[in-house]
C-alpha cells in the first residue's frame, strides 16, 4: 500500500518548539544522526505492507537520505489539503489505487515490525477509514511521561494516533474533512457536525468507540474503524519540547548512543 506522510508546518518564534526547530520544519529535527522524517521513512520502508511513499510539505529531499527513493509534493497549507494532495499524487500515477496509508512525520520510534502489527490489525481492509486510538493505560505503561492529551470516553481515556488508512473515495469529501478538522477543538462546531446528542455524551463521558465509528461513518459516508491500542509508538508524537526529549531518550536506548541530544538550538538541522 502506498503512503502519504504529512510533513508540513514550521513552528513560529513564539512556539515552544522554535528553540528546537530553529525556524525550520519540525520534520528535519535531528534524532541521533537522522532527521525525524528519515526515521519515520526508515520504519515505513522496513514494513512488508509499504510500497511507495510521498512526503507532502517539504518539496524535496533537503539533504536527507532514504533506503528507497521518496516522492515529494509541496506544502498545501493544511493537514487535510496535504493529505488529499498526497492521495491525488498517487491517483495520478496509479489510477487503480483503492486506499492509502496516512502518517505524520513526528513519530520517529516507528519501526517496520510495529507498522506490520498495525496493518495486520486493520485487515481485511473492508472499512473506508482506519484511525488509531491509544488508551491512557497503554500509553503510560509504555511511556510514563508521554504528556499526551487524553479525551475521556465511557470507561476509558484515549489519545489519537498518527497512522491511519483512508479509502480513495474520500477524495470527494474535502469540504466535510475540512469541517471536521476545523471543529475538533470547538465544542459547538462538533455539535453542529456530529449532533448535539454526541456532544452531550462526550461531555458526560458516555461516548464510546462504537458511537465514534457510527458518527464517523455518517459524516464521511464510509465505514470507520477505530484500531484500539496498537503499539503506543504509533501515537507517541513530538509536539512539545519534553516529548522531543522523551523520543530522543528512547532512540538512545534503542541504538545505544548514550545520553540524549541537547534540548535546544545547539542541534544543527539540514539546510
C-alpha atoms as a PDB file:
ATOM      1  CA  UNK A   1       0.000   0.000   0.000  1.00  0.00           C
ATOM      2  CA  UNK A   2       1.313   3.470  -0.839  1.00  0.00           C
ATOM      3  CA  UNK A   3       1.929   6.020   1.917  1.00  0.00           C
ATOM      4  CA  UNK A   4       1.273   9.740   2.351  1.00  0.00           C
ATOM      5  CA  UNK A   5       3.431  11.438   5.000  1.00  0.00           C
ATOM      6  CA  UNK A   6       2.287  14.844   6.249  1.00  0.00           C
ATOM      7  CA  UNK A   7       5.429  16.877   6.911  1.00  0.00           C
ATOM      8  CA  UNK A   8       4.240  20.471   6.650  1.00  0.00           C
ATOM      9  CA  UNK A   9       4.441  23.116   9.329  1.00  0.00           C
ATOM     10  CA  UNK A  10       7.234  25.316  10.691  1.00  0.00           C
ATOM     11  CA  UNK A  11       6.980  26.440  14.357  1.00  0.00           C
ATOM     12  CA  UNK A  12       6.814  30.207  14.799  1.00  0.00           C
ATOM     13  CA  UNK A  13       9.159  32.109  17.165  1.00  0.00           C
ATOM     14  CA  UNK A  14       6.519  32.190  19.911  1.00  0.00           C
ATOM     15  CA  UNK A  15       6.097  28.394  19.765  1.00  0.00           C
ATOM     16  CA  UNK A  16       7.972  26.441  22.490  1.00  0.00           C
ATOM     17  CA  UNK A  17       9.224  24.147  19.726  1.00  0.00           C
ATOM     18  CA  UNK A  18      11.039  27.005  17.983  1.00  0.00           C
ATOM     19  CA  UNK A  19      14.192  26.545  20.107  1.00  0.00           C
ATOM     20  CA  UNK A  20      14.412  23.013  18.766  1.00  0.00           C
ATOM     21  CA  UNK A  21      13.500  23.620  15.124  1.00  0.00           C
ATOM     22  CA  UNK A  22      15.407  26.925  14.679  1.00  0.00           C
ATOM     23  CA  UNK A  23      12.900  28.189  12.136  1.00  0.00           C
ATOM     24  CA  UNK A  24      12.974  25.036  10.030  1.00  0.00           C
ATOM     25  CA  UNK A  25      10.386  22.269   9.540  1.00  0.00           C
ATOM     26  CA  UNK A  26       9.855  20.040  12.548  1.00  0.00           C
ATOM     27  CA  UNK A  27      10.354  17.026  10.291  1.00  0.00           C
ATOM     28  CA  UNK A  28      14.049  17.986   9.957  1.00  0.00           C
ATOM     29  CA  UNK A  29      14.889  17.869  13.674  1.00  0.00           C
ATOM     30  CA  UNK A  30      17.890  15.681  14.426  1.00  0.00           C
ATOM     31  CA  UNK A  31      17.170  12.352  16.086  1.00  0.00           C
ATOM     32  CA  UNK A  32      20.594  10.880  16.803  1.00  0.00           C
ATOM     33  CA  UNK A  33      22.127  11.314  13.386  1.00  0.00           C
ATOM     34  CA  UNK A  34      18.952  11.095  11.279  1.00  0.00           C
ATOM     35  CA  UNK A  35      16.140  13.539  10.937  1.00  0.00           C
ATOM     36  CA  UNK A  36      12.747  12.806  12.400  1.00  0.00           C
ATOM     37  CA  UNK A  37      11.391  12.263   8.886  1.00  0.00           C
ATOM     38  CA  UNK A  38      14.246   9.941   7.937  1.00  0.00           C
ATOM     39  CA  UNK A  39      13.471   7.751  10.951  1.00  0.00           C
ATOM     40  CA  UNK A  40       9.764   7.632  10.056  1.00  0.00           C
ATOM     41  CA  UNK A  41      10.565   6.722   6.454  1.00  0.00           C
ATOM     42  CA  UNK A  42      13.077   4.090   7.651  1.00  0.00           C
ATOM     43  CA  UNK A  43      10.349   2.427   9.691  1.00  0.00           C
ATOM     44  CA  UNK A  44       7.814   2.542   6.878  1.00  0.00           C
ATOM     45  CA  UNK A  45      10.235   1.209   4.281  1.00  0.00           C
ATOM     46  CA  UNK A  46      11.060  -1.706   6.591  1.00  0.00           C
ATOM     47  CA  UNK A  47       7.386  -2.759   6.605  1.00  0.00           C
ATOM     48  CA  UNK A  48       6.281  -5.551   4.280  1.00  0.00           C
ATOM     49  CA  UNK A  49       2.999  -3.716   3.713  1.00  0.00           C
ATOM     50  CA  UNK A  50       4.507  -0.474   2.381  1.00  0.00           C
ATOM     51  CA  UNK A  51       5.096   0.195  -1.313  1.00  0.00           C
ATOM     52  CA  UNK A  52       5.954   3.786  -2.275  1.00  0.00           C
ATOM     53  CA  UNK A  53       5.998   6.950  -0.142  1.00  0.00           C
ATOM     54  CA  UNK A  54       5.140  10.559  -0.940  1.00  0.00           C
ATOM     55  CA  UNK A  55       6.056  13.282   1.542  1.00  0.00           C
ATOM     56  CA  UNK A  56       3.805  16.343   1.470  1.00  0.00           C
ATOM     57  CA  UNK A  57       5.226  19.519   2.939  1.00  0.00           C
ATOM     58  CA  UNK A  58       8.931  19.787   2.152  1.00  0.00           C
ATOM     59  CA  UNK A  59       9.070  19.773  -1.633  1.00  0.00           C
ATOM     60  CA  UNK A  60      12.301  17.772  -1.854  1.00  0.00           C
ATOM     61  CA  UNK A  61      14.762  15.518  -0.002  1.00  0.00           C
ATOM     62  CA  UNK A  62      16.537  18.559   1.526  1.00  0.00           C
ATOM     63  CA  UNK A  63      19.770  16.636   2.020  1.00  0.00           C
ATOM     64  CA  UNK A  64      18.122  13.607   3.575  1.00  0.00           C
ATOM     65  CA  UNK A  65      18.822  10.032   2.511  1.00  0.00           C
ATOM     66  CA  UNK A  66      16.412   7.116   2.271  1.00  0.00           C
ATOM     67  CA  UNK A  67      16.702   3.387   1.601  1.00  0.00           C
ATOM     68  CA  UNK A  68      14.470   3.761  -1.458  1.00  0.00           C
ATOM     69  CA  UNK A  69      13.508   6.886  -3.408  1.00  0.00           C
ATOM     70  CA  UNK A  70      10.807   9.053  -1.821  1.00  0.00           C
ATOM     71  CA  UNK A  71       8.422  11.287  -3.774  1.00  0.00           C
ATOM     72  CA  UNK A  72       7.571  14.858  -2.772  1.00  0.00           C
ATOM     73  CA  UNK A  73       4.663  17.304  -3.019  1.00  0.00           C
ATOM     74  CA  UNK A  74       4.911  20.930  -1.739  1.00  0.00           C
ATOM     75  CA  UNK A  75       3.018  22.033   1.362  1.00  0.00           C
ATOM     76  CA  UNK A  76      -0.639  22.761   0.577  1.00  0.00           C
ATOM     77  CA  UNK A  77      -1.328  24.817   3.714  1.00  0.00           C
ATOM     78  CA  UNK A  78      -3.376  22.469   5.894  1.00  0.00           C
ATOM     79  CA  UNK A  79      -3.382  18.879   7.144  1.00  0.00           C
ATOM     80  CA  UNK A  80      -6.469  17.979   5.098  1.00  0.00           C
ATOM     81  CA  UNK A  81      -5.190  19.600   1.906  1.00  0.00           C
ATOM     82  CA  UNK A  82      -1.812  17.914   2.355  1.00  0.00           C
ATOM     83  CA  UNK A  83      -3.427  14.514   2.790  1.00  0.00           C
ATOM     84  CA  UNK A  84      -5.657  14.951  -0.248  1.00  0.00           C
ATOM     85  CA  UNK A  85      -2.761  16.279  -2.334  1.00  0.00           C
ATOM     86  CA  UNK A  86      -0.800  13.163  -1.474  1.00  0.00           C
ATOM     87  CA  UNK A  87      -3.735  10.962  -2.431  1.00  0.00           C
ATOM     88  CA  UNK A  88      -4.142  12.821  -5.729  1.00  0.00           C
ATOM     89  CA  UNK A  89      -0.437  12.352  -6.417  1.00  0.00           C
ATOM     90  CA  UNK A  90      -0.859   8.583  -6.227  1.00  0.00           C
ATOM     91  CA  UNK A  91      -4.134   8.539  -8.158  1.00  0.00           C
ATOM     92  CA  UNK A  92      -2.487  10.473 -10.992  1.00  0.00           C
ATOM     93  CA  UNK A  93       0.240   7.835 -11.205  1.00  0.00           C
ATOM     94  CA  UNK A  94      -1.635   4.743 -10.066  1.00  0.00           C
ATOM     95  CA  UNK A  95      -5.298   5.227 -11.102  1.00  0.00           C
ATOM     96  CA  UNK A  96      -6.304   1.827  -9.730  1.00  0.00           C
ATOM     97  CA  UNK A  97      -5.287   2.749  -6.162  1.00  0.00           C
ATOM     98  CA  UNK A  98      -8.065   1.975  -3.678  1.00  0.00           C
ATOM     99  CA  UNK A  99      -6.599   3.121  -0.370  1.00  0.00           C
ATOM    100  CA  UNK A 100      -3.560   4.809   1.162  1.00  0.00           C
ATOM    101  CA  UNK A 101      -1.678   4.802   4.445  1.00  0.00           C
ATOM    102  CA  UNK A 102      -1.562   8.219   6.147  1.00  0.00           C
ATOM    103  CA  UNK A 103       1.249   9.033   8.551  1.00  0.00           C
ATOM    104  CA  UNK A 104       2.682  12.081  10.282  1.00  0.00           C
ATOM    105  CA  UNK A 105       6.403  12.882  10.227  1.00  0.00           C
ATOM    106  CA  UNK A 106       6.865  13.149  14.004  1.00  0.00           C
ATOM    107  CA  UNK A 107       6.750   9.532  15.246  1.00  0.00           C
ATOM    108  CA  UNK A 108      10.450   8.569  14.960  1.00  0.00           C
ATOM    109  CA  UNK A 109      10.035   5.407  17.066  1.00  0.00           C
ATOM    110  CA  UNK A 110       8.072   3.803  14.229  1.00  0.00           C
ATOM    111  CA  UNK A 111       9.662   0.555  13.001  1.00  0.00           C
ATOM    112  CA  UNK A 112       8.824  -1.961  10.327  1.00  0.00           C
ATOM    113  CA  UNK A 113       7.574  -4.648  12.767  1.00  0.00           C
ATOM    114  CA  UNK A 114       5.375  -2.105  14.596  1.00  0.00           C
ATOM    115  CA  UNK A 115       3.907  -0.983  11.274  1.00  0.00           C
ATOM    116  CA  UNK A 116       3.323  -4.592  10.285  1.00  0.00           C
ATOM    117  CA  UNK A 117       1.438  -5.165  13.542  1.00  0.00           C
ATOM    118  CA  UNK A 118      -0.836  -2.182  12.886  1.00  0.00           C
ATOM    119  CA  UNK A 119      -1.539  -3.237   9.306  1.00  0.00           C
ATOM    120  CA  UNK A 120      -2.423  -6.747  10.423  1.00  0.00           C
ATOM    121  CA  UNK A 121      -4.907  -5.269  12.938  1.00  0.00           C
ATOM    122  CA  UNK A 122      -6.639  -3.425  10.085  1.00  0.00           C
ATOM    123  CA  UNK A 123      -7.215  -6.465   7.898  1.00  0.00           C
ATOM    124  CA  UNK A 124      -9.259  -7.295   5.828  1.00  0.00           C
ATOM    125  CA  UNK A 125      -9.320  -3.567   4.883  1.00  0.00           C
ATOM    126  CA  UNK A 126     -13.079  -3.508   4.397  1.00  0.00           C
ATOM    127  CA  UNK A 127     -13.640  -0.088   6.035  1.00  0.00           C
ATOM    128  CA  UNK A 128     -13.157   3.313   4.442  1.00  0.00           C
ATOM    129  CA  UNK A 129     -11.207   4.877   7.310  1.00  0.00           C
ATOM    130  CA  UNK A 130      -8.936   3.334   9.941  1.00  0.00           C
ATOM    131  CA  UNK A 131      -7.912   5.534  12.858  1.00  0.00           C
ATOM    132  CA  UNK A 132      -5.733   4.762  15.870  1.00  0.00           C
ATOM    133  CA  UNK A 133      -6.743   5.386  19.459  1.00  0.00           C
ATOM    134  CA  UNK A 134      -4.472   4.504  22.367  1.00  0.00           C
ATOM    135  CA  UNK A 135      -5.772   4.249  25.921  1.00  0.00           C
ATOM    136  CA  UNK A 136      -4.114   6.226  28.684  1.00  0.00           C
ATOM    137  CA  UNK A 137      -3.290   2.954  30.416  1.00  0.00           C
ATOM    138  CA  UNK A 138      -1.456   1.559  27.383  1.00  0.00           C
ATOM    139  CA  UNK A 139       0.341   4.819  26.609  1.00  0.00           C
ATOM    140  CA  UNK A 140       1.550   5.408  30.156  1.00  0.00           C
ATOM    141  CA  UNK A 141       2.651   1.797  30.501  1.00  0.00           C
ATOM    142  CA  UNK A 142       4.960   2.252  27.500  1.00  0.00           C
ATOM    143  CA  UNK A 143       5.740   5.967  28.001  1.00  0.00           C
ATOM    144  CA  UNK A 144       5.073   7.018  31.625  1.00  0.00           C
ATOM    145  CA  UNK A 145       5.847  10.675  30.860  1.00  0.00           C
ATOM    146  CA  UNK A 146       4.267  10.954  27.412  1.00  0.00           C
ATOM    147  CA  UNK A 147       2.473  14.231  28.223  1.00  0.00           C
ATOM    148  CA  UNK A 148      -0.193  13.279  25.685  1.00  0.00           C
ATOM    149  CA  UNK A 149      -3.646  14.854  25.919  1.00  0.00           C
ATOM    150  CA  UNK A 150      -6.390  12.308  26.602  1.00  0.00           C
ATOM    151  CA  UNK A 151     -10.112  12.528  25.922  1.00  0.00           C
ATOM    152  CA  UNK A 152     -12.430  10.929  28.476  1.00  0.00           C
ATOM    153  CA  UNK A 153     -14.791   8.402  26.930  1.00  0.00           C
ATOM    154  CA  UNK A 154     -17.051   5.848  28.570  1.00  0.00           C
ATOM    155  CA  UNK A 155     -14.817   3.689  30.757  1.00  0.00           C
ATOM    156  CA  UNK A 156     -11.521   4.846  29.269  1.00  0.00           C
ATOM    157  CA  UNK A 157      -9.350   7.793  28.329  1.00  0.00           C
ATOM    158  CA  UNK A 158      -7.882   7.848  24.847  1.00  0.00           C
ATOM    159  CA  UNK A 159      -5.403   9.744  22.675  1.00  0.00           C
ATOM    160  CA  UNK A 160      -5.446   9.816  18.892  1.00  0.00           C
ATOM    161  CA  UNK A 161      -2.717   8.170  16.863  1.00  0.00           C
ATOM    162  CA  UNK A 162      -0.542   9.284  13.955  1.00  0.00           C
ATOM    163  CA  UNK A 163      -1.056   6.489  11.430  1.00  0.00           C
ATOM    164  CA  UNK A 164      -4.224   5.598   9.571  1.00  0.00           C
ATOM    165  CA  UNK A 165      -5.688   4.301   6.333  1.00  0.00           C
ATOM    166  CA  UNK A 166      -8.030   6.197   4.011  1.00  0.00           C
ATOM    167  CA  UNK A 167     -10.129   4.998   1.090  1.00  0.00           C
ATOM    168  CA  UNK A 168      -9.561   6.808  -2.209  1.00  0.00           C
ATOM    169  CA  UNK A 169     -13.289   7.687  -2.191  1.00  0.00           C
ATOM    170  CA  UNK A 170     -12.535  10.285   0.492  1.00  0.00           C
ATOM    171  CA  UNK A 171     -11.125  12.455  -2.283  1.00  0.00           C
ATOM    172  CA  UNK A 172     -14.733  13.558  -2.846  1.00  0.00           C
ATOM    173  CA  UNK A 173     -15.111  14.714   0.788  1.00  0.00           C
ATOM    174  CA  UNK A 174     -12.689  17.651   1.077  1.00  0.00           C
ATOM    175  CA  UNK A 175     -15.327  20.071   2.364  1.00  0.00           C
ATOM    176  CA  UNK A 176     -16.505  17.618   5.013  1.00  0.00           C
ATOM    177  CA  UNK A 177     -12.963  16.772   6.097  1.00  0.00           C
ATOM    178  CA  UNK A 178     -12.119  20.475   6.390  1.00  0.00           C
ATOM    179  CA  UNK A 179     -15.167  20.989   8.603  1.00  0.00           C
ATOM    180  CA  UNK A 180     -14.162  18.101  10.862  1.00  0.00           C
ATOM    181  CA  UNK A 181     -10.556  19.311  11.109  1.00  0.00           C
ATOM    182  CA  UNK A 182     -11.628  22.874  11.937  1.00  0.00           C
ATOM    183  CA  UNK A 183     -14.171  21.695  14.514  1.00  0.00           C
ATOM    184  CA  UNK A 184     -12.003  19.353  16.521  1.00  0.00           C
ATOM    185  CA  UNK A 185     -11.187  21.939  19.244  1.00  0.00           C
ATOM    186  CA  UNK A 186     -14.559  23.700  19.397  1.00  0.00           C
ATOM    187  CA  UNK A 187     -17.482  22.052  21.171  1.00  0.00           C
ATOM    188  CA  UNK A 188     -20.208  23.985  19.353  1.00  0.00           C
ATOM    189  CA  UNK A 189     -18.681  23.124  15.981  1.00  0.00           C
ATOM    190  CA  UNK A 190     -18.513  19.460  16.988  1.00  0.00           C
ATOM    191  CA  UNK A 191     -22.199  19.619  17.875  1.00  0.00           C
ATOM    192  CA  UNK A 192     -23.018  21.186  14.530  1.00  0.00           C
ATOM    193  CA  UNK A 193     -21.310  18.355  12.633  1.00  0.00           C
ATOM    194  CA  UNK A 194     -21.790  15.315  14.872  1.00  0.00           C
ATOM    195  CA  UNK A 195     -25.034  16.331  16.535  1.00  0.00           C
ATOM    196  CA  UNK A 196     -25.994  17.570  19.980  1.00  0.00           C
ATOM    197  CA  UNK A 197     -26.550  14.011  21.220  1.00  0.00           C
ATOM    198  CA  UNK A 198     -22.930  13.094  20.549  1.00  0.00           C
ATOM    199  CA  UNK A 199     -21.666  16.273  22.211  1.00  0.00           C
ATOM    200  CA  UNK A 200     -23.737  15.600  25.327  1.00  0.00           C
ATOM    201  CA  UNK A 201     -22.474  12.022  25.520  1.00  0.00           C
ATOM    202  CA  UNK A 202     -18.899  13.307  25.212  1.00  0.00           C
ATOM    203  CA  UNK A 203     -19.390  15.932  27.913  1.00  0.00           C
ATOM    204  CA  UNK A 204     -20.890  13.373  30.310  1.00  0.00           C
ATOM    205  CA  UNK A 205     -18.296  10.707  29.477  1.00  0.00           C
ATOM    206  CA  UNK A 206     -20.881   8.395  27.949  1.00  0.00           C
ATOM    207  CA  UNK A 207     -19.356   8.332  24.453  1.00  0.00           C
ATOM    208  CA  UNK A 208     -17.864   5.008  23.405  1.00  0.00           C
ATOM    209  CA  UNK A 209     -15.871   3.665  20.464  1.00  0.00           C
ATOM    210  CA  UNK A 210     -18.994   2.432  18.672  1.00  0.00           C
ATOM    211  CA  UNK A 211     -20.522   5.925  18.861  1.00  0.00           C
ATOM    212  CA  UNK A 212     -17.400   7.378  17.247  1.00  0.00           C
ATOM    213  CA  UNK A 213     -17.350   4.794  14.465  1.00  0.00           C
ATOM    214  CA  UNK A 214     -21.054   5.234  13.690  1.00  0.00           C
ATOM    215  CA  UNK A 215     -20.830   9.033  13.746  1.00  0.00           C
ATOM    216  CA  UNK A 216     -17.733   8.983  11.565  1.00  0.00           C
ATOM    217  CA  UNK A 217     -19.496   6.800   9.010  1.00  0.00           C
ATOM    218  CA  UNK A 218     -22.495   9.130   8.977  1.00  0.00           C
ATOM    219  CA  UNK A 219     -20.262  12.151   8.381  1.00  0.00           C
ATOM    220  CA  UNK A 220     -17.900  10.799   5.701  1.00  0.00           C
ATOM    221  CA  UNK A 221     -20.231   8.248   4.131  1.00  0.00           C
ATOM    222  CA  UNK A 222     -17.796   5.349   4.544  1.00  0.00           C
ATOM    223  CA  UNK A 223     -17.340   2.748   7.299  1.00  0.00           C
ATOM    224  CA  UNK A 224     -14.964   3.949  10.022  1.00  0.00           C
ATOM    225  CA  UNK A 225     -12.931   1.536  12.134  1.00  0.00           C
ATOM    226  CA  UNK A 226     -11.112   2.514  15.318  1.00  0.00           C
ATOM    227  CA  UNK A 227      -7.951   0.484  15.929  1.00  0.00           C
ATOM    228  CA  UNK A 228      -7.697   0.444  19.712  1.00  0.00           C
ATOM    229  CA  UNK A 229      -4.305   0.062  21.365  1.00  0.00           C
ATOM    230  CA  UNK A 230      -1.929  -0.806  18.553  1.00  0.00           C
ATOM    231  CA  UNK A 231       1.754  -0.233  19.507  1.00  0.00           C
ATOM    232  CA  UNK A 232       1.911   3.005  21.500  1.00  0.00           C
ATOM    233  CA  UNK A 233       4.858   4.188  19.393  1.00  0.00           C
ATOM    234  CA  UNK A 234       2.360   4.937  16.623  1.00  0.00           C
ATOM    235  CA  UNK A 235       0.784   7.604  18.843  1.00  0.00           C
ATOM    236  CA  UNK A 236       3.912   8.908  20.592  1.00  0.00           C
ATOM    237  CA  UNK A 237       4.487  12.054  18.571  1.00  0.00           C
ATOM    238  CA  UNK A 238       6.781  15.001  19.136  1.00  0.00           C
ATOM    239  CA  UNK A 239       4.519  18.014  19.529  1.00  0.00           C
ATOM    240  CA  UNK A 240       6.146  19.516  22.638  1.00  0.00           C
ATOM    241  CA  UNK A 241       9.758  20.019  23.788  1.00  0.00           C
ATOM    242  CA  UNK A 242       9.519  17.410  26.546  1.00  0.00           C
ATOM    243  CA  UNK A 243       8.137  14.903  24.049  1.00  0.00           C
ATOM    244  CA  UNK A 244      11.136  15.507  21.775  1.00  0.00           C
ATOM    245  CA  UNK A 245      13.402  14.848  24.764  1.00  0.00           C
ATOM    246  CA  UNK A 246      11.495  11.638  25.503  1.00  0.00           C
ATOM    247  CA  UNK A 247      11.749  10.457  21.900  1.00  0.00           C
ATOM    248  CA  UNK A 248      15.477  11.161  21.827  1.00  0.00           C
ATOM    249  CA  UNK A 249      15.947   9.261  25.077  1.00  0.00           C
ATOM    250  CA  UNK A 250      14.052   6.282  23.693  1.00  0.00           C
ATOM    251  CA  UNK A 251      16.098   6.301  20.500  1.00  0.00           C
ATOM    252  CA  UNK A 252      19.299   6.469  22.530  1.00  0.00           C
ATOM    253  CA  UNK A 253      18.254   3.272  24.339  1.00  0.00           C
ATOM    254  CA  UNK A 254      17.468   1.588  21.035  1.00  0.00           C
ATOM    255  CA  UNK A 255      20.655   2.492  19.198  1.00  0.00           C
ATOM    256  CA  UNK A 256      22.930   2.572  22.267  1.00  0.00           C
ATOM    257  CA  UNK A 257      24.132   6.107  21.734  1.00  0.00           C
ATOM    258  CA  UNK A 258      24.292   7.287  25.312  1.00  0.00           C
ATOM    259  CA  UNK A 259      22.671  10.439  26.706  1.00  0.00           C
ATOM    260  CA  UNK A 260      20.118  12.450  24.783  1.00  0.00           C
ATOM    261  CA  UNK A 261      20.918  15.292  22.446  1.00  0.00           C
ATOM    262  CA  UNK A 262      20.877  18.920  23.639  1.00  0.00           C
ATOM    263  CA  UNK A 263      17.432  20.258  24.467  1.00  0.00           C
ATOM    264  CA  UNK A 264      17.614  23.481  22.462  1.00  0.00           C
ATOM    265  CA  UNK A 265      19.069  25.223  19.468  1.00  0.00           C
ATOM    266  CA  UNK A 266      22.555  23.690  19.602  1.00  0.00           C
ATOM    267  CA  UNK A 267      21.367  20.869  17.327  1.00  0.00           C
ATOM    268  CA  UNK A 268      22.129  21.640  13.679  1.00  0.00           C
ATOM    269  CA  UNK A 269      19.355  20.961  11.173  1.00  0.00           C
ATOM    270  CA  UNK A 270      19.802  20.175   7.471  1.00  0.00           C
ATOM    271  CA  UNK A 271      19.966  23.203   5.174  1.00  0.00           C
END
